[in-house]
Amino acid sequence: MPKSRIRQTDIAREAGASVATVDRVLNGRAGVSKHTVKRILDAVERLKDQQAGSTRPLPELRFEFILPGGPNSFWQMIAAGAEEAGRAFAGQGVRIR
């Protein structure tokens, strides 16, 4: 399971720097060379990319409606709204039947 957050220790390990240096860079403090700042920010981007690539796709959500038949316009409106929502969210893993 992927980590929920990237920690300063992860960034420090990836960048080959100390946690204190990572803290200085992330909080905009002075005393860090431009080369080290770039190395740390590059490490952050690499870790973000790795984290984004490791996420699992969301499962499909399925909604089923059982509505009474007949000429009742209220239930026809509910059915039409459910069908419209199904079309609107079809590309996002939602299925309405």
Protein backbone atom coordinates (compact mmCIF):
# COMPACT_ATOMS: atom_id res chain seq x y z
CA MET A 1 0.00 0.00 0.00
CA PRO A 2 1.44 3.42 -0.92
CA LYS A 3 2.38 5.86 1.80
CA SER A 4 -0.14 8.59 2.35
CA ARG A 5 2.46 11.34 2.77
CA ILE A 6 6.00 12.02 1.72
CA ARG A 7 8.05 12.63 4.84
CA GLN A 8 11.16 14.77 5.28
CA THR A 9 13.16 11.63 6.03
CA ASP A 10 12.09 10.20 2.64
CA ILE A 11 13.18 13.40 0.89
CA ALA A 12 16.49 13.47 2.77
CA ARG A 13 17.25 9.86 1.81
CA GLU A 14 16.34 10.48 -1.85
CA ALA A 15 18.38 13.71 -2.06
CA GLY A 16 21.35 12.51 -0.03
CA ALA A 17 20.94 15.34 2.47
CA SER A 18 20.17 15.66 6.16
CA VAL A 19 16.64 16.08 7.49
CA ALA A 20 17.68 19.47 8.89
CA THR A 21 18.74 20.63 5.41
CA VAL A 22 15.47 19.38 3.93
CA ASP A 23 13.60 21.31 6.63
CA ARG A 24 15.55 24.48 5.79
CA VAL A 25 14.73 24.17 2.08
CA LEU A 26 11.04 23.35 2.54
CA ASN A 27 10.57 26.24 4.95
CA GLY A 28 12.56 28.74 2.86
CA ARG A 29 15.32 29.32 5.38
CA ALA A 30 18.76 30.62 4.44
CA GLY A 31 22.04 28.75 4.67
CA VAL A 32 21.58 26.18 1.89
CA SER A 33 23.43 26.30 -1.42
CA LYS A 34 21.46 26.64 -4.66
CA HIS A 35 22.79 23.27 -5.80
CA THR A 36 21.47 21.55 -2.66
CA VAL A 37 18.11 23.33 -2.91
CA LYS A 38 17.76 22.06 -6.48
CA ARG A 39 18.75 18.53 -5.44
CA ILE A 40 16.13 18.50 -2.68
CA LEU A 41 13.36 19.96 -4.84
CA ASP A 42 14.17 17.43 -7.57
CA ALA A 43 13.93 14.66 -4.98
CA VAL A 44 10.51 15.95 -3.92
CA GLU A 45 9.30 15.82 -7.53
CA ARG A 46 10.65 12.28 -8.02
CA LEU A 47 8.92 11.09 -4.87
CA LYS A 48 5.65 12.76 -5.89
CA ASP A 49 5.86 11.07 -9.29
CA GLN A 50 6.53 7.68 -7.68
CA GLN A 51 3.64 8.16 -5.29
CA ALA A 52 1.26 9.19 -8.07
CA GLY A 53 2.24 6.17 -10.14
CA SER A 54 1.63 3.74 -7.30
CA THR A 55 -1.98 4.63 -6.61
CA ARG A 56 -4.54 1.98 -7.33
CA PRO A 57 -7.49 2.76 -9.57
CA LEU A 58 -10.72 3.36 -7.73
CA PRO A 59 -13.29 0.58 -7.86
CA GLU A 60 -16.37 1.01 -9.98
CA LEU A 61 -19.35 2.40 -8.10
CA ARG A 62 -22.68 0.90 -9.06
CA PHE A 63 -26.08 2.28 -8.13
CA GLU A 64 -29.28 0.41 -8.90
CA PHE A 65 -32.70 1.99 -8.61
CA ILE A 66 -35.97 0.09 -8.42
CA LEU A 67 -38.77 2.50 -9.19
CA PRO A 68 -42.47 1.86 -9.63
CA GLY A 69 -43.75 1.90 -13.20
CA GLY A 70 -46.72 3.81 -14.48
CA PRO A 71 -47.57 7.32 -15.55
CA ASN A 72 -46.50 9.04 -12.29
CA SER A 73 -44.41 12.03 -13.41
CA PHE A 74 -42.52 12.18 -10.09
CA TRP A 75 -40.98 8.72 -10.59
CA GLN A 76 -40.34 9.46 -14.26
CA MET A 77 -38.36 12.55 -13.21
CA ILE A 78 -36.37 10.47 -10.71
CA ALA A 79 -35.60 7.87 -13.40
CA ALA A 80 -34.59 10.56 -15.91
CA GLY A 81 -32.31 12.22 -13.34
CA ALA A 82 -30.66 8.89 -12.49
CA GLU A 83 -30.07 8.15 -16.18
CA GLU A 84 -28.60 11.62 -16.71
CA ALA A 85 -26.30 11.19 -13.70
CA GLY A 86 -25.21 7.82 -15.09
CA ARG A 87 -24.21 9.42 -18.38
CA ALA A 88 -22.47 12.33 -16.65
CA PHE A 89 -20.36 10.10 -14.39
CA ALA A 90 -19.81 7.16 -16.77
CA GLY A 91 -16.17 8.12 -17.41
CA GLN A 92 -15.41 8.25 -13.70
CA GLY A 93 -16.19 4.64 -12.82
CA VAL A 94 -19.82 5.22 -11.80
CA ARG A 95 -22.56 3.05 -13.25
CA ILE A 96 -26.25 3.71 -12.63
CA ARG A 97 -28.83 1.17 -13.65
